[in-house]
Amino acid sequence: MQRVCFLLKVRPERLAEYRERHRDVWPEMREALASTGWHNYSLFLRDDGLLVGYLETEDFEAAKKAMAETEVNARWQAEMAPFFEDLDGRPDEGMAPLTEVFHLD
């Protein structure tokens, strides 16, 4: 199982709305994530807008590709893109994994 962590930056003026939007993620989005191999997926948001994402998957590239092919993901990414700073394109395209340097089982 691959562990993936990534960082994005939410615009400070959109923090409250970003949090609100994630209190009730669309059921079809949740189903698409699960069915395309995104497991144990979490987002953590700091008050300055730093967003840390974590997930586990068998193959991150395959999971991203499968998710990108879903209609619900296209809608979600279009709605979420304006929330982020320094992002060219969709948020899912800006998810550059960090290099894992230590893991304790």
C-alpha atoms as a PDB file:
ATOM      1  CA  MET A   1       0.000   0.000   0.000  1.00  0.00           C
ATOM      2  CA  GLN A   2       1.368   3.387  -1.020  1.00  0.00           C
ATOM      3  CA  ARG A   3       1.074   6.241   1.490  1.00  0.00           C
ATOM      4  CA  VAL A   4       0.707   9.611  -0.235  1.00  0.00           C
ATOM      5  CA  CYS A   5       0.947  13.062   1.341  1.00  0.00           C
ATOM      6  CA  PHE A   6       0.583  16.347  -0.553  1.00  0.00           C
ATOM      7  CA  LEU A   7       0.318  20.078   0.173  1.00  0.00           C
ATOM      8  CA  LEU A   8      -1.889  22.770  -1.330  1.00  0.00           C
ATOM      9  CA  LYS A   9      -2.672  26.340  -0.221  1.00  0.00           C
ATOM     10  CA  VAL A  10      -6.250  27.529   0.340  1.00  0.00           C
ATOM     11  CA  ARG A  11      -6.874  31.249  -0.101  1.00  0.00           C
ATOM     12  CA  PRO A  12      -7.214  32.855   3.367  1.00  0.00           C
ATOM     13  CA  GLU A  13     -10.452  34.613   2.432  1.00  0.00           C
ATOM     14  CA  ARG A  14     -11.997  31.259   1.421  1.00  0.00           C
ATOM     15  CA  LEU A  15     -11.058  29.178   4.504  1.00  0.00           C
ATOM     16  CA  ALA A  16     -14.479  29.177   6.166  1.00  0.00           C
ATOM     17  CA  GLU A  17     -16.247  28.287   2.940  1.00  0.00           C
ATOM     18  CA  TYR A  18     -13.693  25.553   2.166  1.00  0.00           C
ATOM     19  CA  ARG A  19     -14.275  23.992   5.585  1.00  0.00           C
ATOM     20  CA  GLU A  20     -18.038  24.220   5.098  1.00  0.00           C
ATOM     21  CA  ARG A  21     -17.899  22.561   1.666  1.00  0.00           C
ATOM     22  CA  HIS A  22     -16.026  19.607   3.177  1.00  0.00           C
ATOM     23  CA  ARG A  23     -18.532  19.050   5.977  1.00  0.00           C
ATOM     24  CA  ASP A  24     -20.878  17.536   3.411  1.00  0.00           C
ATOM     25  CA  VAL A  25     -18.881  16.108   0.497  1.00  0.00           C
ATOM     26  CA  TRP A  26     -21.254  14.827  -2.178  1.00  0.00           C
ATOM     27  CA  PRO A  27     -22.097  11.143  -1.699  1.00  0.00           C
ATOM     28  CA  GLU A  28     -21.250  10.428  -5.351  1.00  0.00           C
ATOM     29  CA  MET A  29     -17.809  12.027  -4.819  1.00  0.00           C
ATOM     30  CA  ARG A  30     -17.194   9.842  -1.764  1.00  0.00           C
ATOM     31  CA  GLU A  31     -18.264   6.764  -3.749  1.00  0.00           C
ATOM     32  CA  ALA A  32     -16.004   7.671  -6.688  1.00  0.00           C
ATOM     33  CA  LEU A  33     -12.986   8.129  -4.410  1.00  0.00           C
ATOM     34  CA  ALA A  34     -13.540   4.782  -2.720  1.00  0.00           C
ATOM     35  CA  SER A  35     -14.185   2.897  -5.959  1.00  0.00           C
ATOM     36  CA  THR A  36     -11.073   4.309  -7.672  1.00  0.00           C
ATOM     37  CA  GLY A  37      -8.695   3.261  -4.910  1.00  0.00           C
ATOM     38  CA  TRP A  38      -8.473   6.228  -2.536  1.00  0.00           C
ATOM     39  CA  HIS A  39      -8.387   4.788   0.988  1.00  0.00           C
ATOM     40  CA  ASN A  40      -7.907   6.362   4.408  1.00  0.00           C
ATOM     41  CA  TYR A  41      -8.110   9.776   2.701  1.00  0.00           C
ATOM     42  CA  SER A  42      -7.849  12.788   5.003  1.00  0.00           C
ATOM     43  CA  LEU A  43      -7.451  16.537   4.578  1.00  0.00           C
ATOM     44  CA  PHE A  44      -5.991  18.737   7.306  1.00  0.00           C
ATOM     45  CA  LEU A  45      -6.266  22.539   7.108  1.00  0.00           C
ATOM     46  CA  ARG A  46      -4.155  25.023   9.057  1.00  0.00           C
ATOM     47  CA  ASP A  47      -5.505  28.502   9.869  1.00  0.00           C
ATOM     48  CA  ASP A  48      -3.096  30.119   7.379  1.00  0.00           C
ATOM     49  CA  GLY A  49      -4.521  28.007   4.540  1.00  0.00           C
ATOM     50  CA  LEU A  50      -1.918  25.245   4.381  1.00  0.00           C
ATOM     51  CA  LEU A  51      -3.776  22.097   3.338  1.00  0.00           C
ATOM     52  CA  VAL A  52      -2.211  18.701   3.977  1.00  0.00           C
ATOM     53  CA  GLY A  53      -3.731  15.710   2.221  1.00  0.00           C
ATOM     54  CA  TYR A  54      -3.032  12.079   3.053  1.00  0.00           C
ATOM     55  CA  LEU A  55      -4.257   8.877   1.447  1.00  0.00           C
ATOM     56  CA  GLU A  56      -3.361   5.253   1.002  1.00  0.00           C
ATOM     57  CA  THR A  57      -3.670   3.472  -2.338  1.00  0.00           C
ATOM     58  CA  GLU A  58      -2.289   0.543  -4.265  1.00  0.00           C
ATOM     59  CA  ASP A  59      -1.118   2.789  -7.129  1.00  0.00           C
ATOM     60  CA  PHE A  60      -1.392   6.578  -6.845  1.00  0.00           C
ATOM     61  CA  GLU A  61      -1.033   7.288 -10.562  1.00  0.00           C
ATOM     62  CA  ALA A  62      -3.708   4.706 -11.420  1.00  0.00           C
ATOM     63  CA  ALA A  63      -6.022   6.065  -8.682  1.00  0.00           C
ATOM     64  CA  LYS A  64      -5.582   9.647  -9.939  1.00  0.00           C
ATOM     65  CA  LYS A  65      -6.208   8.578 -13.543  1.00  0.00           C
ATOM     66  CA  ALA A  66      -9.334   6.596 -12.641  1.00  0.00           C
ATOM     67  CA  MET A  67     -10.679   9.484 -10.590  1.00  0.00           C
ATOM     68  CA  ALA A  68      -9.949  11.990 -13.379  1.00  0.00           C
ATOM     69  CA  GLU A  69     -12.151   9.942 -15.694  1.00  0.00           C
ATOM     70  CA  THR A  70     -15.240  10.326 -13.484  1.00  0.00           C
ATOM     71  CA  GLU A  71     -17.855  12.966 -14.227  1.00  0.00           C
ATOM     72  CA  VAL A  72     -18.308  13.835 -10.558  1.00  0.00           C
ATOM     73  CA  ASN A  73     -14.602  14.598 -10.180  1.00  0.00           C
ATOM     74  CA  ALA A  74     -14.716  17.067 -13.070  1.00  0.00           C
ATOM     75  CA  ARG A  75     -17.590  18.920 -11.369  1.00  0.00           C
ATOM     76  CA  TRP A  76     -15.896  18.843  -7.942  1.00  0.00           C
ATOM     77  CA  GLN A  77     -12.532  20.059  -9.260  1.00  0.00           C
ATOM     78  CA  ALA A  78     -14.189  22.909 -11.172  1.00  0.00           C
ATOM     79  CA  GLU A  79     -15.938  24.056  -8.003  1.00  0.00           C
ATOM     80  CA  MET A  80     -12.847  23.689  -5.794  1.00  0.00           C
ATOM     81  CA  ALA A  81     -10.232  25.299  -8.078  1.00  0.00           C
ATOM     82  CA  PRO A  82     -11.060  28.916  -7.066  1.00  0.00           C
ATOM     83  CA  PHE A  83     -10.293  28.082  -3.425  1.00  0.00           C
ATOM     84  CA  PHE A  84      -6.567  27.572  -4.046  1.00  0.00           C
ATOM     85  CA  GLU A  85      -3.541  29.845  -4.402  1.00  0.00           C
ATOM     86  CA  ASP A  86      -0.715  29.277  -6.879  1.00  0.00           C
ATOM     87  CA  LEU A  87      -2.551  26.619  -8.797  1.00  0.00           C
ATOM     88  CA  ASP A  88      -2.479  26.222 -12.547  1.00  0.00           C
ATOM     89  CA  GLY A  89      -5.385  23.998 -13.456  1.00  0.00           C
ATOM     90  CA  ARG A  90      -7.366  21.685 -11.224  1.00  0.00           C
ATOM     91  CA  PRO A  91      -6.533  20.920  -7.584  1.00  0.00           C
ATOM     92  CA  ASP A  92      -6.135  17.208  -8.339  1.00  0.00           C
ATOM     93  CA  GLU A  93      -3.475  18.103 -10.917  1.00  0.00           C
ATOM     94  CA  GLY A  94      -1.545  20.113  -8.311  1.00  0.00           C
ATOM     95  CA  MET A  95      -1.237  17.222  -5.864  1.00  0.00           C
ATOM     96  CA  ALA A  96       2.513  16.601  -5.965  1.00  0.00           C
ATOM     97  CA  PRO A  97       3.347  13.860  -3.449  1.00  0.00           C
ATOM     98  CA  LEU A  98       5.930  14.578  -0.791  1.00  0.00           C
ATOM     99  CA  THR A  99       8.793  12.123  -0.385  1.00  0.00           C
ATOM    100  CA  GLU A 100       8.322   9.876   2.634  1.00  0.00           C
ATOM    101  CA  VAL A 101      11.483   9.840   4.735  1.00  0.00           C
ATOM    102  CA  PHE A 102      10.265   7.905   7.783  1.00  0.00           C
ATOM    103  CA  HIS A 103       7.375   5.628   8.739  1.00  0.00           C
ATOM    104  CA  LEU A 104       6.726   3.850  12.043  1.00  0.00           C
ATOM    105  CA  ASP A 105       4.344   0.880  11.872  1.00  0.00           C
END
